[in-house]
Amino acid sequence: MTGRGAGSSGRAPGGAADAQARAVRVGPRSVAALVLVGAVGLAAFTWPFLAPPASQLSAHAQDAPWLFAGLLVLLVAVVAATIAESGMGPKAVAMLGVLAAAGAALRPIGAGTAGLEPMFFLMVLSGRVLGPGFGYVLGSVTMFASALLTGGVGPWLPFQMLAMGWFTMGAGLLPGPDKLRGRAELVMLAGYGAVAALAYGTVMNLAGWPFMGTLASSIAFDPQAPVTANLARFVAYCLATSLGWDLGRAALTVVLTLVVGPAVLRALRRATRRAAFEAPVAFEAGPGAGGREPSVTRTEGTVPSGVKRPT
């Protein structure tokens, strides 16, 4: 084979600088698992507004968060296993380990300081470059690893893993993965990071709010109150307890994305090209009598440096 194929130059057919490389291809089974866990997770976060005052769930308001936490642990594990089974090779696992370790190490840096958590910008950029399937697993694993590192293991951890998985997966679903580059991409990622950082704080408030009981009667969840009253209490709870932290997280995510985002995106895309996740290697035995070494044929994608192209 002497010519360069359409996919061997590392460029997208439409002239894009970098074709989107998927470290993990999300198949039908993975999509089904994600939809199922998404529906259960949505119910786990929003049940205080879905259960009427007379329901058995409201009667067990103090037990429900624990039950949902146990359920989410199993479901998140099922989704991660399903995605991994669908095509997470050793190179993707290695990339996952490196990025999860980096995110877990970044999280404690700003802990306790106005919500400054630098790991969020890394999750946005990683999900953007490596795709939604990889992003979901990365977000969940990073939160789990950081909890072990900081001792933050508790009933809130499954909710954090699910929320961060959504957050990172969403970055992989943003438009223009192949063609959008430069300042426009950075602005889009910074805007998404700000919105997602605020949304993360809000959904995590939903996970912890029912635990308050009657400790703060004016803003606590009241199982006997109607939905409108509990919604007003929840808004007051967010304003009183976490809005400052969420704004700090969003602001830091925007600043880091705009300042160091270009360098991080280049590094991630360069590592992705070198890893060539979608280019499996096939070995073909040469003639036994000719003394030739087996030839290496890459069935698709780019040929990394140092490997001679077969002729």
Protein backbone atom coordinates (compact mmCIF):
# COMPACT_ATOMS: atom_id res chain seq x y z
CA MET A 1 0.00 0.00 0.00
CA THR A 2 1.83 3.08 -1.18
CA GLY A 3 -0.77 5.88 -1.01
CA ARG A 4 -2.14 7.61 2.05
CA GLY A 5 -5.76 6.75 2.77
CA ALA A 6 -8.41 9.21 3.74
CA GLY A 7 -8.05 8.39 7.42
CA SER A 8 -4.27 8.04 7.59
CA SER A 9 -3.31 11.68 7.65
CA GLY A 10 -4.85 12.40 11.05
CA ARG A 11 -7.22 14.94 9.55
CA ALA A 12 -10.95 14.76 9.20
CA PRO A 13 -12.35 14.41 5.70
CA GLY A 14 -13.90 17.84 5.94
CA GLY A 15 -10.56 19.51 6.53
CA ALA A 16 -10.82 19.70 10.30
CA ALA A 17 -7.58 19.93 12.19
CA ASP A 18 -8.34 16.97 14.45
CA ALA A 19 -11.01 14.34 13.93
CA GLN A 20 -12.78 13.48 17.16
CA ALA A 21 -11.23 10.32 18.60
CA ARG A 22 -13.46 8.21 20.79
CA ALA A 23 -11.53 6.41 23.50
CA VAL A 24 -14.72 4.44 24.14
CA ARG A 25 -17.44 3.85 21.58
CA VAL A 26 -20.85 3.89 23.27
CA GLY A 27 -22.94 1.05 21.85
CA PRO A 28 -26.66 0.33 22.19
CA ARG A 29 -26.20 -1.55 25.48
CA SER A 30 -24.23 1.31 26.97
CA VAL A 31 -26.84 3.84 25.83
CA ALA A 32 -29.60 1.75 27.38
CA ALA A 33 -27.69 1.50 30.65
CA LEU A 34 -27.03 5.25 30.67
CA VAL A 35 -30.70 6.02 30.07
CA LEU A 36 -31.78 3.66 32.85
CA VAL A 37 -29.32 5.05 35.36
CA GLY A 38 -30.16 8.59 34.27
CA ALA A 39 -33.85 8.00 34.97
CA VAL A 40 -33.18 6.40 38.36
CA GLY A 41 -30.65 9.11 39.21
CA LEU A 42 -33.11 11.84 38.32
CA ALA A 43 -35.65 10.23 40.64
CA ALA A 44 -33.01 9.91 43.37
CA PHE A 45 -32.21 13.62 43.18
CA THR A 46 -35.74 14.99 42.75
CA TRP A 47 -37.90 12.62 44.82
CA PRO A 48 -38.73 15.34 47.41
CA PHE A 49 -40.67 17.14 44.64
CA LEU A 50 -42.17 13.99 43.13
CA ALA A 51 -43.51 12.18 46.18
CA PRO A 52 -46.85 13.50 47.50
CA PRO A 53 -47.08 14.14 51.27
CA ALA A 54 -49.22 11.03 51.82
CA SER A 55 -46.82 8.63 50.03
CA GLN A 56 -44.78 5.99 51.82
CA LEU A 57 -41.58 7.58 50.46
CA SER A 58 -42.35 10.83 52.26
CA ALA A 59 -43.12 8.84 55.40
CA HIS A 60 -39.56 7.48 55.24
CA ALA A 61 -37.91 10.79 54.29
CA GLN A 62 -34.89 10.13 56.50
CA ASP A 63 -34.32 6.66 55.03
CA ALA A 64 -34.87 7.46 51.34
CA PRO A 65 -31.47 9.15 50.70
CA TRP A 66 -29.69 6.10 52.10
CA LEU A 67 -31.73 3.74 49.95
CA PHE A 68 -31.08 5.79 46.82
CA ALA A 69 -27.36 6.01 47.67
CA GLY A 70 -27.10 2.23 47.87
CA LEU A 71 -29.01 1.81 44.63
CA LEU A 72 -26.89 4.35 42.77
CA VAL A 73 -23.67 2.60 43.79
CA LEU A 74 -24.83 -0.53 42.01
CA LEU A 75 -26.17 1.30 38.97
CA VAL A 76 -23.07 3.44 38.44
CA ALA A 77 -20.95 0.30 38.65
CA VAL A 78 -23.19 -1.44 36.10
CA VAL A 79 -22.88 1.46 33.66
CA ALA A 80 -19.11 1.65 34.06
CA ALA A 81 -18.82 -2.10 33.46
CA THR A 82 -21.12 -1.95 30.44
CA ILE A 83 -19.16 0.88 28.85
CA ALA A 84 -15.86 -0.86 29.57
CA GLU A 85 -17.14 -4.09 28.05
CA SER A 86 -18.22 -2.25 24.90
CA GLY A 87 -14.66 -1.44 23.92
CA MET A 88 -12.43 0.11 26.58
CA GLY A 89 -9.03 -1.25 25.62
CA PRO A 90 -5.80 -1.13 27.63
CA LYS A 91 -4.80 2.23 26.15
CA ALA A 92 -8.10 3.78 27.20
CA VAL A 93 -7.75 2.26 30.68
CA ALA A 94 -4.27 3.76 30.99
CA MET A 95 -5.55 7.17 29.91
CA LEU A 96 -8.43 6.85 32.36
CA GLY A 97 -6.03 6.09 35.21
CA VAL A 98 -3.80 9.08 34.45
CA LEU A 99 -6.65 11.59 34.14
CA ALA A 100 -8.54 10.24 37.17
CA ALA A 101 -5.38 10.47 39.28
CA ALA A 102 -4.77 14.03 38.06
CA GLY A 103 -8.36 15.04 38.83
CA ALA A 104 -8.27 13.41 42.26
CA ALA A 105 -5.03 15.23 43.05
CA LEU A 106 -6.43 18.59 41.89
CA ARG A 107 -9.63 18.42 43.92
CA PRO A 108 -8.15 18.88 47.43
CA ILE A 109 -6.10 21.93 46.37
CA GLY A 110 -8.99 24.37 46.78
CA ALA A 111 -11.00 22.42 49.36
CA GLY A 112 -12.41 24.72 52.00
CA THR A 113 -11.62 27.90 50.02
CA ALA A 114 -14.78 29.44 48.58
CA GLY A 115 -15.57 26.39 46.49
CA LEU A 116 -12.44 26.68 44.33
CA GLU A 117 -12.12 23.22 42.79
CA PRO A 118 -9.69 23.14 39.83
CA MET A 119 -10.58 19.58 38.86
CA PHE A 120 -13.76 20.74 37.12
CA PHE A 121 -11.99 22.39 34.20
CA LEU A 122 -9.94 19.22 33.61
CA MET A 123 -13.13 17.16 33.49
CA VAL A 124 -14.64 19.53 30.90
CA LEU A 125 -11.60 19.41 28.61
CA SER A 126 -11.16 15.64 28.98
CA GLY A 127 -14.80 14.95 28.15
CA ARG A 128 -14.56 17.26 25.15
CA VAL A 129 -11.54 15.51 23.66
CA LEU A 130 -12.22 11.89 24.60
CA GLY A 131 -15.97 11.70 24.10
CA PRO A 132 -19.08 11.15 26.24
CA GLY A 133 -18.59 7.44 27.04
CA PHE A 134 -15.08 7.96 28.35
CA GLY A 135 -16.22 11.17 30.06
CA TYR A 136 -18.93 9.42 32.06
CA VAL A 137 -16.53 6.78 33.37
CA LEU A 138 -13.83 9.40 34.03
CA GLY A 139 -16.14 11.64 36.06
CA SER A 140 -17.39 8.77 38.21
CA VAL A 141 -13.97 7.23 38.80
CA THR A 142 -12.37 10.60 39.58
CA MET A 143 -14.93 11.38 42.27
CA PHE A 144 -14.47 7.92 43.77
CA ALA A 145 -10.67 8.26 43.78
CA SER A 146 -10.76 11.75 45.27
CA ALA A 147 -13.11 10.57 48.02
CA LEU A 148 -10.66 7.85 48.97
CA LEU A 149 -7.81 10.37 48.87
CA THR A 150 -9.53 12.95 51.07
CA GLY A 151 -11.57 10.65 53.30
CA GLY A 152 -14.81 11.99 51.86
CA VAL A 153 -16.60 8.65 51.71
CA GLY A 154 -20.24 8.82 52.75
CA PRO A 155 -23.81 8.50 51.51
CA TRP A 156 -23.25 11.55 49.31
CA LEU A 157 -20.49 9.83 47.28
CA PRO A 158 -22.77 7.90 44.85
CA PHE A 159 -24.62 11.15 44.10
CA GLN A 160 -21.30 12.91 43.48
CA MET A 161 -20.14 10.13 41.16
CA LEU A 162 -23.36 10.26 39.15
CA ALA A 163 -23.44 14.06 38.95
CA MET A 164 -19.78 14.29 37.88
CA GLY A 165 -20.35 11.52 35.33
CA TRP A 166 -23.20 13.58 33.82
CA PHE A 167 -21.08 16.73 33.95
CA THR A 168 -18.12 15.18 32.11
CA MET A 169 -20.28 13.25 29.64
CA GLY A 170 -22.08 16.48 28.72
CA ALA A 171 -18.78 18.05 27.65
CA GLY A 172 -18.32 15.17 25.21
CA LEU A 173 -21.74 15.85 23.70
CA LEU A 174 -21.06 19.51 22.89
CA PRO A 175 -21.34 20.43 19.19
CA GLY A 176 -18.46 20.71 16.72
CA PRO A 177 -16.06 18.08 18.09
CA ASP A 178 -14.26 17.79 14.73
CA LYS A 179 -14.29 21.32 13.35
CA LEU A 180 -14.76 23.85 16.13
CA ARG A 181 -11.37 25.10 17.33
CA GLY A 182 -9.71 28.20 18.69
CA ARG A 183 -11.36 30.94 20.71
CA ALA A 184 -14.89 29.90 19.79
CA GLU A 185 -14.32 26.45 21.27
CA LEU A 186 -12.76 27.89 24.42
CA VAL A 187 -15.70 30.26 24.94
CA MET A 188 -18.13 27.38 24.49
CA LEU A 189 -16.24 25.17 26.95
CA ALA A 190 -15.93 27.99 29.48
CA GLY A 191 -19.67 28.70 29.24
CA TYR A 192 -20.52 25.04 29.61
CA GLY A 193 -18.14 24.71 32.56
CA ALA A 194 -19.76 27.64 34.35
CA VAL A 195 -23.30 26.33 33.85
CA ALA A 196 -22.35 22.77 34.74
CA ALA A 197 -20.47 23.87 37.88
CA LEU A 198 -23.55 25.71 39.09
CA ALA A 199 -25.79 22.79 38.15
CA TYR A 200 -23.51 20.36 39.98
CA GLY A 201 -23.83 22.36 43.18
CA THR A 202 -27.60 22.52 42.79
CA VAL A 203 -28.12 18.79 42.26
CA MET A 204 -25.78 17.97 45.13
CA ASN A 205 -27.91 20.25 47.30
CA LEU A 206 -30.86 18.08 46.33
CA ALA A 207 -28.96 15.04 47.55
CA GLY A 208 -28.14 16.54 50.96
CA TRP A 209 -31.17 18.72 51.61
CA PRO A 210 -33.52 15.92 52.82
CA PHE A 211 -30.98 14.96 55.50
CA MET A 212 -31.53 18.26 57.31
CA GLY A 213 -34.83 17.17 58.83
CA THR A 214 -36.17 19.90 61.06
CA LEU A 215 -32.81 21.34 62.11
CA ALA A 216 -33.54 24.56 60.20
CA SER A 217 -37.30 24.72 59.93
CA SER A 218 -37.48 27.64 57.52
CA ILE A 219 -35.33 26.04 54.80
CA ALA A 220 -35.41 22.30 55.62
CA PHE A 221 -37.33 19.73 53.63
CA ASP A 222 -40.80 19.17 55.07
CA PRO A 223 -42.33 15.82 53.97
CA GLN A 224 -45.81 17.09 54.83
CA ALA A 225 -45.54 20.36 52.86
CA PRO A 226 -46.78 20.75 49.25
CA VAL A 227 -44.35 20.88 46.34
CA THR A 228 -44.49 24.68 45.99
CA ALA A 229 -43.59 25.20 49.64
CA ASN A 230 -40.69 22.74 49.47
CA LEU A 231 -39.45 24.35 46.26
CA ALA A 232 -39.34 27.73 48.02
CA ARG A 233 -37.51 26.14 50.93
CA PHE A 234 -34.98 24.56 48.58
CA VAL A 235 -34.26 27.84 46.81
CA ALA A 236 -33.73 29.51 50.18
CA TYR A 237 -31.47 26.65 51.21
CA CYS A 238 -29.31 27.08 48.08
CA LEU A 239 -29.05 30.83 48.53
CA ALA A 240 -28.16 30.52 52.20
CA THR A 241 -25.69 27.65 52.08
CA SER A 242 -24.00 27.04 48.75
CA LEU A 243 -24.45 29.79 46.17
CA GLY A 244 -21.14 31.44 47.09
CA TRP A 245 -19.31 28.14 46.70
CA ASP A 246 -21.00 27.36 43.40
CA LEU A 247 -20.14 30.78 41.98
CA GLY A 248 -16.51 30.37 43.06
CA ARG A 249 -16.34 26.96 41.38
CA ALA A 250 -17.90 28.34 38.19
CA ALA A 251 -15.58 31.37 38.08
CA LEU A 252 -12.44 29.28 38.57
CA THR A 253 -13.57 26.84 35.87
CA VAL A 254 -14.03 29.70 33.40
CA VAL A 255 -10.66 31.28 34.22
CA LEU A 256 -8.69 28.03 33.99
CA THR A 257 -10.44 27.02 30.77
CA LEU A 258 -9.62 30.32 29.07
CA VAL A 259 -6.06 30.62 30.42
CA VAL A 260 -4.62 27.10 30.34
CA GLY A 261 -7.31 25.43 28.25
CA PRO A 262 -5.49 25.76 24.90
CA ALA A 263 -2.37 24.03 26.23
CA VAL A 264 -4.36 21.26 27.94
CA LEU A 265 -6.50 20.66 24.85
CA ARG A 266 -3.39 20.38 22.67
CA ALA A 267 -1.79 17.93 25.10
CA LEU A 268 -4.91 15.78 25.32
CA ARG A 269 -5.37 15.71 21.54
CA ARG A 270 -1.72 14.89 20.98
CA ALA A 271 -1.90 12.04 23.49
CA THR A 272 -5.11 10.81 21.86
CA ARG A 273 -3.55 10.80 18.40
CA ARG A 274 -0.51 8.89 19.64
CA ALA A 275 -2.69 6.39 21.48
CA ALA A 276 -4.74 5.82 18.29
CA PHE A 277 -7.64 4.29 20.22
CA GLU A 278 -9.57 3.47 17.05
CA ALA A 279 -6.69 1.99 15.09
CA PRO A 280 -6.32 -1.68 16.01
CA VAL A 281 -3.09 -3.34 14.94
CA ALA A 282 -3.18 -6.58 12.93
CA PHE A 283 -0.06 -8.75 12.52
CA GLU A 284 0.37 -10.67 9.30
CA ALA A 285 3.00 -13.40 9.17
CA GLY A 286 5.49 -13.01 6.34
CA PRO A 287 6.87 -15.84 4.15
CA GLY A 288 8.64 -18.36 6.31
CA ALA A 289 11.50 -18.96 3.87
CA GLY A 290 12.09 -15.36 2.97
CA GLY A 291 13.29 -14.30 6.39
CA ARG A 292 11.03 -11.28 6.42
CA GLU A 293 9.65 -10.04 9.73
CA PRO A 294 5.88 -10.01 10.16
CA SER A 295 4.36 -6.87 8.70
CA VAL A 296 2.27 -4.51 10.77
CA THR A 297 -0.98 -3.33 9.22
CA ARG A 298 -3.15 -0.69 10.82
CA THR A 299 -6.69 -1.24 9.67
CA GLU A 300 -7.80 2.36 10.22
CA GLY A 301 -6.68 5.62 11.75
CA THR A 302 -3.20 7.08 11.85
CA VAL A 303 0.16 5.39 11.81
CA PRO A 304 2.17 6.54 14.86
CA SER A 305 5.71 7.77 14.52
CA GLY A 306 8.34 5.08 14.66
CA VAL A 307 6.23 2.47 12.82
CA LYS A 308 7.16 1.96 9.18
CA ARG A 309 4.16 2.07 6.85
CA PRO A 310 3.74 -1.23 4.99
CA THR A 311 4.39 -1.05 1.24
